[in-house]
Amino acid sequence: MKTTLKLSTIVIASALLSFSPSLVISHSLNSEKILEIKRNIKWKNTEINLGDIVQNKPVTLEFEFTNVGDNPVLITNVQASCGCTSTNYIKTPILPGESTKISAVFNAAAKGVFKKQITVITNAEDGPRTLSFTGTVM
């Protein structure tokens, strides 16, 4: 156990020491440029309440955003939290000033209250954006 811990410490320390200062400085300059881009989406809505919906009857909903920055926005991935939701989104860059929508179709099989999520990854936000929708299946 002690040998494994010592070996792990040595491996981690070696990895940390292998980074050159010029690489770190370069990375932080790139990060500043990335931060300029990361504030370029204005979401119209990130949460939708569907209210009461009918079981096994698909419901379509849309999340809209506008590119308010100076650079094109590219949606790189959209993932629903369950198999009961399918998504559709534009695969081409959204130019500055343009708006687009991420569409989802939810088909509820089980009755009751629900909260579902859609995760969106773009080149214009620091991390994944979580969109959500709620309601009650009757």
N, C-alpha and C. Protein backbone atom coordinates (compact mmCIF):
# COMPACT_ATOMS: atom_id res chain seq x y z
N MET A 1 0.82 -1.19 0.00
CA MET A 1 0.00 0.00 0.00
C MET A 1 0.87 1.25 0.00
N LYS A 2 1.91 1.29 0.89
CA LYS A 2 2.79 2.44 0.96
C LYS A 2 3.58 2.60 -0.33
N THR A 3 3.99 1.48 -0.93
CA THR A 3 4.74 1.52 -2.17
C THR A 3 3.88 2.09 -3.30
N THR A 4 2.63 1.67 -3.35
CA THR A 4 1.71 2.17 -4.37
C THR A 4 1.49 3.66 -4.21
N LEU A 5 1.35 4.13 -2.98
CA LEU A 5 1.14 5.54 -2.70
C LEU A 5 2.37 6.35 -3.12
N LYS A 6 3.57 5.85 -2.78
CA LYS A 6 4.80 6.54 -3.15
C LYS A 6 4.94 6.61 -4.67
N LEU A 7 4.66 5.49 -5.35
CA LEU A 7 4.76 5.44 -6.79
C LEU A 7 3.77 6.40 -7.44
N SER A 8 2.55 6.45 -6.93
CA SER A 8 1.54 7.37 -7.45
C SER A 8 1.98 8.80 -7.28
N THR A 9 2.54 9.13 -6.14
CA THR A 9 3.01 10.49 -5.86
C THR A 9 4.12 10.87 -6.84
N ILE A 10 5.03 9.97 -7.10
CA ILE A 10 6.13 10.23 -8.03
C ILE A 10 5.60 10.45 -9.44
N VAL A 11 4.66 9.64 -9.87
CA VAL A 11 4.09 9.77 -11.22
C VAL A 11 3.38 11.11 -11.36
N ILE A 12 2.59 11.49 -10.37
CA ILE A 12 1.86 12.76 -10.43
C ILE A 12 2.83 13.93 -10.41
N ALA A 13 3.83 13.88 -9.55
CA ALA A 13 4.81 14.96 -9.48
C ALA A 13 5.58 15.09 -10.80
N SER A 14 5.94 13.99 -11.40
CA SER A 14 6.65 14.02 -12.68
C SER A 14 5.78 14.65 -13.76
N ALA A 15 4.52 14.29 -13.76
CA ALA A 15 3.60 14.85 -14.76
C ALA A 15 3.46 16.35 -14.58
N LEU A 16 3.35 16.81 -13.35
CA LEU A 16 3.20 18.24 -13.09
C LEU A 16 4.46 19.00 -13.45
N LEU A 17 5.62 18.43 -13.18
CA LEU A 17 6.87 19.10 -13.48
C LEU A 17 7.19 19.10 -14.97
N SER A 18 6.54 18.26 -15.75
CA SER A 18 6.84 18.18 -17.17
C SER A 18 6.25 19.35 -17.96
N PHE A 19 5.33 20.11 -17.37
CA PHE A 19 4.76 21.27 -18.07
C PHE A 19 5.77 22.41 -18.06
N SER A 20 6.05 22.97 -19.22
CA SER A 20 7.00 24.08 -19.28
C SER A 20 6.26 25.39 -19.02
N PRO A 21 6.94 26.39 -18.45
CA PRO A 21 6.29 27.67 -18.20
C PRO A 21 5.75 28.31 -19.46
N SER A 22 6.45 28.15 -20.60
CA SER A 22 5.96 28.77 -21.83
C SER A 22 4.63 28.15 -22.26
N LEU A 23 4.44 26.87 -22.02
CA LEU A 23 3.18 26.22 -22.35
C LEU A 23 2.06 26.76 -21.47
N VAL A 24 2.34 26.95 -20.20
CA VAL A 24 1.34 27.46 -19.28
C VAL A 24 0.96 28.88 -19.66
N ILE A 25 1.94 29.72 -19.98
CA ILE A 25 1.65 31.10 -20.37
C ILE A 25 0.85 31.12 -21.66
N SER A 26 1.25 30.33 -22.62
CA SER A 26 0.53 30.26 -23.88
C SER A 26 -0.91 29.82 -23.65
N HIS A 27 -1.08 28.84 -22.78
CA HIS A 27 -2.43 28.34 -22.49
C HIS A 27 -3.29 29.43 -21.87
N SER A 28 -2.71 30.20 -20.94
CA SER A 28 -3.52 31.21 -20.31
C SER A 28 -3.87 32.33 -21.29
N LEU A 29 -3.00 32.62 -22.26
CA LEU A 29 -3.36 33.59 -23.28
C LEU A 29 -4.50 33.07 -24.13
N ASN A 30 -4.43 31.78 -24.50
CA ASN A 30 -5.52 31.18 -25.26
C ASN A 30 -6.81 31.18 -24.46
N SER A 31 -6.73 30.95 -23.17
CA SER A 31 -7.92 30.95 -22.33
C SER A 31 -8.59 32.31 -22.33
N GLU A 32 -7.79 33.39 -22.31
CA GLU A 32 -8.37 34.73 -22.36
C GLU A 32 -9.13 34.93 -23.66
N LYS A 33 -8.57 34.47 -24.76
CA LYS A 33 -9.26 34.58 -26.04
C LYS A 33 -10.54 33.76 -26.03
N ILE A 34 -10.49 32.58 -25.46
CA ILE A 34 -11.67 31.72 -25.38
C ILE A 34 -12.74 32.38 -24.53
N LEU A 35 -12.35 33.02 -23.42
CA LEU A 35 -13.33 33.68 -22.56
C LEU A 35 -14.07 34.79 -23.30
N GLU A 36 -13.39 35.46 -24.24
CA GLU A 36 -14.07 36.48 -25.03
C GLU A 36 -15.21 35.86 -25.83
N ILE A 37 -15.01 34.67 -26.33
CA ILE A 37 -16.01 33.98 -27.14
C ILE A 37 -17.12 33.39 -26.26
N LYS A 38 -16.81 33.02 -25.04
CA LYS A 38 -17.72 32.25 -24.20
C LYS A 38 -18.94 33.02 -23.71
N ARG A 39 -19.04 34.29 -23.96
CA ARG A 39 -20.20 35.06 -23.49
C ARG A 39 -21.07 35.49 -24.66
N ASN A 40 -21.17 34.70 -25.69
CA ASN A 40 -21.80 35.14 -26.92
C ASN A 40 -23.16 34.53 -27.23
N ILE A 41 -23.76 33.85 -26.27
CA ILE A 41 -25.09 33.27 -26.49
C ILE A 41 -26.07 33.90 -25.52
N LYS A 42 -27.19 34.35 -26.06
CA LYS A 42 -28.27 34.84 -25.21
C LYS A 42 -29.46 33.91 -25.42
N TRP A 43 -29.79 33.14 -24.36
CA TRP A 43 -30.89 32.19 -24.43
C TRP A 43 -32.21 32.89 -24.18
N LYS A 44 -33.20 32.63 -25.00
CA LYS A 44 -34.55 33.17 -24.79
C LYS A 44 -35.19 32.46 -23.60
N ASN A 45 -34.95 31.15 -23.52
CA ASN A 45 -35.46 30.34 -22.41
C ASN A 45 -34.57 29.12 -22.22
N THR A 46 -34.41 28.73 -20.96
CA THR A 46 -33.65 27.51 -20.66
C THR A 46 -34.50 26.53 -19.87
N GLU A 47 -35.71 26.95 -19.51
CA GLU A 47 -36.66 26.08 -18.80
C GLU A 47 -38.05 26.28 -19.40
N ILE A 48 -38.74 25.17 -19.62
CA ILE A 48 -40.10 25.23 -20.15
C ILE A 48 -41.00 24.36 -19.28
N ASN A 49 -42.15 24.91 -18.90
CA ASN A 49 -43.16 24.14 -18.18
C ASN A 49 -44.25 23.78 -19.18
N LEU A 50 -44.38 22.50 -19.48
CA LEU A 50 -45.37 22.04 -20.45
C LEU A 50 -46.77 21.93 -19.84
N GLY A 51 -46.87 22.01 -18.53
CA GLY A 51 -48.18 21.86 -17.88
C GLY A 51 -48.65 20.42 -17.97
N ASP A 52 -49.95 20.23 -18.14
CA ASP A 52 -50.53 18.89 -18.27
C ASP A 52 -50.44 18.43 -19.72
N ILE A 53 -49.91 17.23 -19.93
CA ILE A 53 -49.84 16.66 -21.28
C ILE A 53 -50.46 15.27 -21.28
N VAL A 54 -50.80 14.81 -22.46
CA VAL A 54 -51.47 13.51 -22.62
C VAL A 54 -50.42 12.41 -22.77
N GLN A 55 -50.63 11.30 -22.06
CA GLN A 55 -49.73 10.16 -22.13
C GLN A 55 -49.68 9.60 -23.56
N ASN A 56 -48.49 9.25 -24.02
CA ASN A 56 -48.22 8.65 -25.34
C ASN A 56 -48.59 9.56 -26.51
N LYS A 57 -48.69 10.85 -26.28
CA LYS A 57 -48.93 11.82 -27.36
C LYS A 57 -47.73 12.76 -27.39
N PRO A 58 -46.87 12.65 -28.42
CA PRO A 58 -45.65 13.46 -28.49
C PRO A 58 -45.92 14.96 -28.41
N VAL A 59 -45.05 15.65 -27.67
CA VAL A 59 -45.12 17.10 -27.51
C VAL A 59 -43.81 17.68 -28.02
N THR A 60 -43.90 18.72 -28.86
CA THR A 60 -42.72 19.38 -29.39
C THR A 60 -42.48 20.67 -28.61
N LEU A 61 -41.22 20.91 -28.26
CA LEU A 61 -40.85 22.15 -27.58
C LEU A 61 -39.58 22.69 -28.20
N GLU A 62 -39.33 24.01 -28.02
CA GLU A 62 -38.17 24.64 -28.63
C GLU A 62 -37.47 25.57 -27.64
N PHE A 63 -36.14 25.51 -27.66
CA PHE A 63 -35.30 26.40 -26.89
C PHE A 63 -34.56 27.28 -27.90
N GLU A 64 -34.70 28.59 -27.78
CA GLU A 64 -34.13 29.51 -28.76
C GLU A 64 -32.98 30.31 -28.15
N PHE A 65 -31.95 30.55 -28.97
CA PHE A 65 -30.88 31.46 -28.56
C PHE A 65 -30.42 32.29 -29.73
N THR A 66 -29.76 33.41 -29.39
CA THR A 66 -29.20 34.32 -30.38
C THR A 66 -27.70 34.43 -30.17
N ASN A 67 -26.96 34.46 -31.26
CA ASN A 67 -25.53 34.70 -31.20
C ASN A 67 -25.33 36.21 -31.08
N VAL A 68 -24.99 36.69 -29.89
CA VAL A 68 -24.80 38.12 -29.64
C VAL A 68 -23.32 38.51 -29.70
N GLY A 69 -22.47 37.60 -30.11
CA GLY A 69 -21.04 37.88 -30.18
C GLY A 69 -20.59 38.25 -31.58
N ASP A 70 -19.27 38.26 -31.75
CA ASP A 70 -18.66 38.63 -33.03
C ASP A 70 -18.17 37.42 -33.82
N ASN A 71 -18.29 36.23 -33.24
CA ASN A 71 -17.78 35.01 -33.88
C ASN A 71 -18.92 34.02 -34.12
N PRO A 72 -18.80 33.17 -35.13
CA PRO A 72 -19.81 32.14 -35.35
C PRO A 72 -19.91 31.19 -34.16
N VAL A 73 -21.12 30.73 -33.88
CA VAL A 73 -21.36 29.75 -32.82
C VAL A 73 -21.66 28.42 -33.49
N LEU A 74 -21.02 27.37 -32.98
CA LEU A 74 -21.25 26.03 -33.51
C LEU A 74 -21.76 25.14 -32.38
N ILE A 75 -22.91 24.53 -32.59
CA ILE A 75 -23.44 23.54 -31.65
C ILE A 75 -22.73 22.24 -31.96
N THR A 76 -21.98 21.71 -30.98
CA THR A 76 -21.20 20.51 -31.23
C THR A 76 -21.89 19.23 -30.75
N ASN A 77 -22.84 19.37 -29.79
CA ASN A 77 -23.54 18.18 -29.31
C ASN A 77 -24.80 18.59 -28.56
N VAL A 78 -25.84 17.81 -28.74
CA VAL A 78 -27.08 17.96 -27.99
C VAL A 78 -27.50 16.57 -27.55
N GLN A 79 -27.70 16.39 -26.25
CA GLN A 79 -28.01 15.06 -25.71
C GLN A 79 -29.19 15.15 -24.75
N ALA A 80 -30.23 14.36 -25.01
CA ALA A 80 -31.39 14.29 -24.10
C ALA A 80 -31.07 13.34 -22.95
N SER A 81 -31.72 13.59 -21.81
CA SER A 81 -31.45 12.78 -20.61
C SER A 81 -32.12 11.41 -20.64
N CYS A 82 -33.02 11.20 -21.60
CA CYS A 82 -33.70 9.89 -21.67
C CYS A 82 -34.07 9.55 -23.10
N GLY A 83 -34.42 8.31 -23.32
CA GLY A 83 -34.81 7.85 -24.64
C GLY A 83 -36.20 8.32 -25.07
N CYS A 84 -36.95 8.91 -24.16
CA CYS A 84 -38.29 9.40 -24.47
C CYS A 84 -38.25 10.77 -25.14
N THR A 85 -37.05 11.34 -25.31
CA THR A 85 -36.90 12.66 -25.91
C THR A 85 -35.92 12.59 -27.07
N SER A 86 -36.35 13.10 -28.22
CA SER A 86 -35.45 13.21 -29.36
C SER A 86 -35.19 14.69 -29.61
N THR A 87 -34.02 15.00 -30.17
CA THR A 87 -33.65 16.40 -30.39
C THR A 87 -33.27 16.65 -31.84
N ASN A 88 -33.36 17.91 -32.23
CA ASN A 88 -32.94 18.33 -33.55
C ASN A 88 -32.36 19.73 -33.44
N TYR A 89 -31.25 19.98 -34.14
CA TYR A 89 -30.60 21.28 -34.10
C TYR A 89 -29.82 21.51 -35.37
N ILE A 90 -29.50 22.77 -35.64
CA ILE A 90 -28.76 23.14 -36.84
C ILE A 90 -27.30 22.69 -36.70
N LYS A 91 -26.76 22.15 -37.75
CA LYS A 91 -25.38 21.64 -37.72
C LYS A 91 -24.39 22.64 -38.31
N THR A 92 -24.87 23.72 -38.89
CA THR A 92 -24.00 24.73 -39.49
C THR A 92 -23.79 25.88 -38.50
N PRO A 93 -22.73 26.66 -38.65
CA PRO A 93 -22.47 27.77 -37.72
C PRO A 93 -23.59 28.80 -37.71
N ILE A 94 -23.85 29.34 -36.53
CA ILE A 94 -24.82 30.41 -36.36
C ILE A 94 -24.01 31.70 -36.35
N LEU A 95 -24.20 32.54 -37.35
CA LEU A 95 -23.41 33.74 -37.52
C LEU A 95 -23.82 34.81 -36.51
N PRO A 96 -22.94 35.79 -36.25
CA PRO A 96 -23.28 36.86 -35.32
C PRO A 96 -24.61 37.53 -35.70
N GLY A 97 -25.46 37.72 -34.70
CA GLY A 97 -26.77 38.33 -34.91
C GLY A 97 -27.87 37.36 -35.26
N GLU A 98 -27.52 36.14 -35.64
CA GLU A 98 -28.53 35.15 -36.02
C GLU A 98 -29.06 34.41 -34.79
N SER A 99 -30.29 33.92 -34.93
CA SER A 99 -30.92 33.10 -33.89
C SER A 99 -31.18 31.72 -34.45
N THR A 100 -31.30 30.76 -33.54
CA THR A 100 -31.66 29.40 -33.93
C THR A 100 -32.42 28.75 -32.79
N LYS A 101 -33.00 27.59 -33.08
CA LYS A 101 -33.76 26.86 -32.07
C LYS A 101 -33.26 25.43 -31.98
N ILE A 102 -33.27 24.92 -30.76
CA ILE A 102 -33.03 23.49 -30.54
C ILE A 102 -34.40 22.91 -30.25
N SER A 103 -34.83 22.00 -31.10
CA SER A 103 -36.16 21.38 -30.96
C SER A 103 -36.04 20.05 -30.25
N ALA A 104 -37.08 19.73 -29.49
CA ALA A 104 -37.14 18.43 -28.82
C ALA A 104 -38.56 17.90 -28.92
N VAL A 105 -38.68 16.60 -29.06
CA VAL A 105 -39.98 15.93 -29.05
C VAL A 105 -39.96 14.97 -27.88
N PHE A 106 -40.92 15.18 -26.96
CA PHE A 106 -41.02 14.36 -25.76
C PHE A 106 -42.26 13.49 -25.88
N ASN A 107 -42.08 12.18 -25.70
CA ASN A 107 -43.18 11.23 -25.77
C ASN A 107 -43.23 10.48 -24.44
N ALA A 108 -44.14 10.90 -23.58
CA ALA A 108 -44.22 10.35 -22.23
C ALA A 108 -45.00 9.03 -22.21
N ALA A 109 -44.36 8.01 -21.67
CA ALA A 109 -45.00 6.71 -21.56
C ALA A 109 -45.63 6.50 -20.18
N ALA A 110 -45.10 7.17 -19.17
CA ALA A 110 -45.57 6.96 -17.80
C ALA A 110 -46.30 8.20 -17.28
N LYS A 111 -47.37 7.97 -16.55
CA LYS A 111 -48.13 9.08 -15.95
C LYS A 111 -47.39 9.63 -14.75
N GLY A 112 -47.65 10.91 -14.46
CA GLY A 112 -47.07 11.54 -13.29
C GLY A 112 -46.25 12.78 -13.63
N VAL A 113 -45.68 13.37 -12.60
CA VAL A 113 -44.86 14.57 -12.74
C VAL A 113 -43.49 14.18 -13.31
N PHE A 114 -42.95 15.03 -14.18
CA PHE A 114 -41.64 14.75 -14.76
C PHE A 114 -40.80 16.01 -14.84
N LYS A 115 -39.49 15.82 -14.86
CA LYS A 115 -38.52 16.86 -15.17
C LYS A 115 -37.44 16.22 -16.01
N LYS A 116 -37.26 16.70 -17.22
CA LYS A 116 -36.29 16.15 -18.16
C LYS A 116 -35.27 17.22 -18.52
N GLN A 117 -34.11 16.77 -18.98
CA GLN A 117 -33.04 17.70 -19.31
C GLN A 117 -32.46 17.40 -20.68
N ILE A 118 -31.94 18.45 -21.29
CA ILE A 118 -31.21 18.36 -22.55
C ILE A 118 -29.90 19.09 -22.33
N THR A 119 -28.80 18.45 -22.66
CA THR A 119 -27.48 19.05 -22.49
C THR A 119 -26.99 19.52 -23.85
N VAL A 120 -26.56 20.78 -23.91
CA VAL A 120 -26.10 21.39 -25.16
C VAL A 120 -24.65 21.82 -24.99
N ILE A 121 -23.82 21.45 -25.95
CA ILE A 121 -22.42 21.87 -25.94
C ILE A 121 -22.18 22.70 -27.19
N THR A 122 -21.61 23.91 -26.98
CA THR A 122 -21.27 24.80 -28.08
C THR A 122 -19.84 25.29 -27.89
N ASN A 123 -19.35 25.98 -28.89
CA ASN A 123 -18.03 26.60 -28.77
C ASN A 123 -18.13 27.97 -28.11
N ALA A 124 -19.30 28.37 -27.66
CA ALA A 124 -19.50 29.73 -27.16
C ALA A 124 -19.88 29.80 -25.68
N GLU A 125 -19.83 28.70 -24.97
CA GLU A 125 -20.09 28.71 -23.53
C GLU A 125 -19.00 27.90 -22.84
N ASP A 126 -18.73 28.24 -21.58
CA ASP A 126 -17.63 27.60 -20.85
C ASP A 126 -17.81 26.11 -20.66
N GLY A 127 -19.03 25.66 -20.52
CA GLY A 127 -19.29 24.25 -20.30
C GLY A 127 -20.64 23.89 -20.89
N PRO A 128 -21.07 22.70 -20.63
CA PRO A 128 -22.38 22.29 -21.14
C PRO A 128 -23.50 23.17 -20.57
N ARG A 129 -24.48 23.46 -21.39
CA ARG A 129 -25.66 24.20 -20.97
C ARG A 129 -26.77 23.18 -20.76
N THR A 130 -27.43 23.24 -19.62
CA THR A 130 -28.53 22.33 -19.34
C THR A 130 -29.84 23.05 -19.55
N LEU A 131 -30.64 22.51 -20.45
CA LEU A 131 -31.99 23.01 -20.69
C LEU A 131 -32.93 22.01 -20.02
N SER A 132 -34.05 22.49 -19.49
CA SER A 132 -34.95 21.56 -18.81
C SER A 132 -36.40 21.85 -19.17
N PHE A 133 -37.21 20.81 -19.04
CA PHE A 133 -38.64 20.96 -19.22
C PHE A 133 -39.36 20.08 -18.22
N THR A 134 -40.50 20.57 -17.75
CA THR A 134 -41.27 19.89 -16.71
C THR A 134 -42.72 19.83 -17.11
N GLY A 135 -43.46 19.06 -16.36
CA GLY A 135 -44.89 18.96 -16.57
C GLY A 135 -45.48 17.77 -15.84
N THR A 136 -46.73 17.48 -16.17
CA THR A 136 -47.42 16.34 -15.59
C THR A 136 -48.10 15.56 -16.72
N VAL A 137 -47.84 14.27 -16.75
CA VAL A 137 -48.47 13.39 -17.74
C VAL A 137 -49.79 12.90 -17.15
N MET A 138 -50.84 13.14 -17.88
CA MET A 138 -52.19 12.75 -17.44
C MET A 138 -52.59 11.40 -18.02
